[in-house]
Amino acid sequence: MQHSAVPELAHAHTRPIHWVATATAVAGVVALSSVLQPGSAKAAQPAAGTQPKSAPAATAPSTTGVDFPLECGPVKVLVQKKASGDLDGDGIPETVAVVHCDAPMGTPPDAVYVLTQAAEATRPRVVATLVDPKDRLTVTDFAVRAGTVTATLLGYSTSDVPSCCPDVKTAAKWQWNGNAFVRSTPAAAHSV
């Protein structure tokens, strides 16, 4: 299942002219560095009690205040699970949330959404749907590791199977390919 890309997750596509310009710039830096030689360096330790400053780490988007595209009628949307990681390799973490309607009875279907937050934005927004609640799936064994989202999906072989008792178990994995999240099945996955 592929979903449309958004600016926060889109990466530029390189063209041959890009590589020519890069090679020219690198050659210029190498040539210039052979002409200019640095003076002798003297290492200095920071004064006692001071710490070198580093750039603050980017924080993952929160699920608070997010307008999830889930119709729950009179009940609230419940964030069941969440995990964060850099899914597109840009150094800024995204948050993946497993949510469903907080129904007082039954087993409401889960949805899985990817959240991002632009630097100038006041709150995060949903940029991709990995699991749609219309698919009637329950998400277990959910994790985000090394740019990959993994989960076990419990579902139903037919519409006659009661929602209390899923009879299909599928492992799923999603990875960003530069344009969309692509779903695959992990190598050691089995279905019940």
Protein backbone atom coordinates (compact mmCIF):
# COMPACT_ATOMS: atom_id res chain seq x y z
CA MET A 1 0.00 0.00 0.00
CA GLN A 2 1.56 3.30 -1.03
CA HIS A 3 0.52 6.76 0.06
CA SER A 4 1.30 10.13 -1.41
CA ALA A 5 4.42 11.97 -0.38
CA VAL A 6 4.41 15.24 1.48
CA PRO A 7 7.02 18.01 1.50
CA GLU A 8 8.38 17.05 4.93
CA LEU A 9 9.15 13.54 3.72
CA ALA A 10 10.08 14.24 0.11
CA HIS A 11 13.70 14.00 -0.93
CA ALA A 12 15.18 15.64 -3.99
CA HIS A 13 15.96 13.43 -6.93
CA THR A 14 19.49 13.88 -8.25
CA ARG A 15 20.23 14.38 -11.90
CA PRO A 16 23.54 14.01 -13.80
CA ILE A 17 24.16 17.78 -13.63
CA HIS A 18 24.02 17.51 -9.83
CA TRP A 19 26.91 15.02 -9.85
CA VAL A 20 28.95 17.16 -12.28
CA ALA A 21 28.49 20.21 -10.03
CA THR A 22 29.42 18.15 -6.96
CA ALA A 23 32.56 16.76 -8.62
CA THR A 24 33.60 20.27 -9.72
CA ALA A 25 33.10 21.66 -6.22
CA VAL A 26 35.11 18.83 -4.62
CA ALA A 27 37.93 19.30 -7.14
CA GLY A 28 38.00 23.03 -6.37
CA VAL A 29 38.21 22.41 -2.62
CA VAL A 30 41.05 19.88 -3.08
CA ALA A 31 42.99 22.28 -5.35
CA LEU A 32 42.50 25.20 -2.98
CA SER A 33 43.53 23.16 0.06
CA SER A 34 46.86 22.26 -1.58
CA VAL A 35 47.62 25.97 -2.05
CA LEU A 36 46.53 27.16 1.38
CA GLN A 37 48.31 25.50 4.28
CA PRO A 38 47.15 25.95 7.86
CA GLY A 39 49.47 27.35 10.49
CA SER A 40 50.54 25.25 13.45
CA ALA A 41 47.59 24.30 15.59
CA LYS A 42 47.48 24.57 19.35
CA ALA A 43 44.84 22.52 21.09
CA ALA A 44 43.11 24.20 23.98
CA GLN A 45 40.97 22.48 26.56
CA PRO A 46 37.76 24.17 27.70
CA ALA A 47 38.09 26.09 30.96
CA ALA A 48 37.14 24.17 34.09
CA GLY A 49 33.39 24.08 34.67
CA THR A 50 32.41 24.84 31.07
CA GLN A 51 30.99 22.35 28.62
CA PRO A 52 31.13 22.66 24.87
CA LYS A 53 27.71 23.47 23.42
CA SER A 54 26.11 21.09 20.98
CA ALA A 55 23.06 21.51 18.83
CA PRO A 56 19.84 20.37 20.52
CA ALA A 57 18.54 17.02 19.36
CA ALA A 58 15.39 17.13 17.30
CA THR A 59 12.36 15.97 19.23
CA ALA A 60 9.72 13.66 17.85
CA PRO A 61 6.22 15.02 17.32
CA SER A 62 3.77 14.54 20.18
CA THR A 63 0.39 12.89 19.65
CA THR A 64 -1.31 15.54 21.81
CA GLY A 65 -3.71 17.76 19.87
CA VAL A 66 -3.35 15.84 16.60
CA ASP A 67 -6.46 15.72 14.43
CA PHE A 68 -6.43 12.01 13.50
CA PRO A 69 -8.61 11.18 10.45
CA LEU A 70 -10.73 8.74 12.44
CA GLU A 71 -14.52 8.93 12.82
CA CYS A 72 -15.41 8.00 16.41
CA GLY A 73 -18.83 9.58 16.87
CA PRO A 74 -19.45 10.42 20.53
CA VAL A 75 -16.34 8.63 21.87
CA LYS A 76 -12.77 9.93 21.92
CA VAL A 77 -9.80 8.85 19.85
CA LEU A 78 -7.40 6.81 21.98
CA VAL A 79 -3.66 6.61 21.22
CA GLN A 80 -2.98 2.96 22.06
CA LYS A 81 0.76 2.85 21.21
CA LYS A 82 3.36 5.20 19.79
CA ALA A 83 6.99 5.05 18.78
CA SER A 84 9.39 7.49 17.19
CA GLY A 85 12.33 7.30 14.82
CA ASP A 86 13.82 8.90 11.75
CA LEU A 87 11.87 7.15 9.01
CA ASP A 88 13.11 9.15 6.02
CA GLY A 89 16.78 9.66 6.92
CA ASP A 90 16.61 13.45 7.25
CA GLY A 91 17.81 13.50 10.89
CA ILE A 92 14.40 14.58 12.22
CA PRO A 93 12.30 11.91 13.94
CA GLU A 94 8.73 11.13 13.00
CA THR A 95 6.16 9.58 15.35
CA VAL A 96 4.08 6.56 14.43
CA ALA A 97 0.84 6.18 16.40
CA VAL A 98 -1.55 3.25 16.75
CA VAL A 99 -4.99 4.72 17.49
CA HIS A 100 -8.60 3.60 17.71
CA CYS A 101 -11.94 4.82 18.97
CA ASP A 102 -12.26 4.45 22.75
CA ALA A 103 -15.38 2.25 22.48
CA PRO A 104 -16.80 0.99 25.79
CA MET A 105 -17.46 -2.48 24.29
CA GLY A 106 -16.08 -4.68 21.56
CA THR A 107 -12.77 -4.53 19.73
CA PRO A 108 -12.52 -1.31 17.74
CA PRO A 109 -10.23 -1.54 14.69
CA ASP A 110 -6.83 0.11 14.89
CA ALA A 111 -5.35 2.71 12.57
CA VAL A 112 -1.64 3.45 12.20
CA TYR A 113 -0.60 7.00 11.29
CA VAL A 114 2.77 8.68 10.68
CA LEU A 115 3.13 12.16 12.20
CA THR A 116 5.62 14.88 11.40
CA GLN A 117 5.96 18.47 12.46
CA ALA A 118 7.54 21.21 10.40
CA ALA A 119 9.85 23.55 12.32
CA GLU A 120 7.46 26.50 11.96
CA ALA A 121 4.27 24.48 12.70
CA THR A 122 2.46 24.82 16.02
CA ARG A 123 1.37 21.18 16.12
CA PRO A 124 2.09 17.87 14.38
CA ARG A 125 0.04 16.54 11.50
CA VAL A 126 -0.72 13.16 9.96
CA VAL A 127 1.29 12.62 6.76
CA ALA A 128 0.62 8.94 6.03
CA THR A 129 -1.80 6.15 6.92
CA LEU A 130 -0.13 2.75 7.24
CA VAL A 131 -3.22 0.87 8.49
CA ASP A 132 -6.72 2.12 7.71
CA PRO A 133 -9.42 1.38 10.32
CA LYS A 134 -11.71 0.22 7.46
CA ASP A 135 -9.46 -2.86 7.17
CA ARG A 136 -10.73 -4.09 10.61
CA LEU A 137 -7.24 -4.90 11.92
CA THR A 138 -5.82 -4.96 15.44
CA VAL A 139 -2.14 -4.01 15.77
CA THR A 140 0.21 -5.89 18.11
CA ASP A 141 4.00 -6.20 18.46
CA PHE A 142 4.42 -2.65 17.18
CA ALA A 143 7.91 -1.06 16.89
CA VAL A 144 9.98 1.54 15.05
CA ARG A 145 13.63 0.57 14.53
CA ALA A 146 16.29 1.68 12.06
CA GLY A 147 13.86 3.59 9.83
CA THR A 148 11.39 0.70 9.67
CA VAL A 149 7.92 0.31 11.20
CA THR A 150 6.99 -3.27 12.10
CA ALA A 151 3.78 -4.73 13.50
CA THR A 152 1.73 -7.88 13.75
CA LEU A 153 -1.74 -7.41 12.29
CA LEU A 154 -4.68 -9.48 13.54
CA GLY A 155 -7.59 -9.64 11.13
CA TYR A 156 -10.44 -11.70 9.76
CA SER A 157 -10.67 -14.23 6.93
CA THR A 158 -14.28 -13.23 6.15
CA SER A 159 -16.79 -10.61 7.28
CA ASP A 160 -18.67 -13.41 9.10
CA VAL A 161 -15.90 -13.81 11.71
CA PRO A 162 -16.93 -11.97 14.92
CA SER A 163 -14.79 -8.94 15.82
CA CYS A 164 -13.92 -10.54 19.15
CA CYS A 165 -12.02 -13.36 17.53
CA PRO A 166 -9.57 -12.47 14.73
CA ASP A 167 -8.51 -15.58 12.81
CA VAL A 168 -5.70 -14.18 10.61
CA LYS A 169 -2.27 -13.09 11.88
CA THR A 170 0.10 -11.26 9.50
CA ALA A 171 3.50 -9.67 10.07
CA ALA A 172 3.96 -6.34 8.29
CA LYS A 173 6.83 -3.94 7.71
CA TRP A 174 6.78 -0.42 6.23
CA GLN A 175 9.74 1.54 4.91
CA TRP A 176 10.01 4.95 3.25
CA ASN A 177 11.27 4.62 -0.34
CA GLY A 178 11.71 8.36 -1.00
CA ASN A 179 8.15 8.83 -2.25
CA ALA A 180 5.87 6.69 -0.09
CA PHE A 181 5.76 4.09 2.66
CA VAL A 182 5.97 0.64 1.11
CA ARG A 183 4.51 -2.33 2.96
CA SER A 184 6.16 -5.73 2.84
CA THR A 185 6.13 -8.95 4.84
CA PRO A 186 9.24 -9.73 6.92
CA ALA A 187 11.15 -12.82 5.74
CA ALA A 188 10.31 -15.07 8.73
CA ALA A 189 6.60 -14.15 8.85
CA HIS A 190 3.86 -16.77 9.12
CA SER A 191 0.10 -16.45 8.84
CA VAL A 192 -2.29 -18.34 11.10
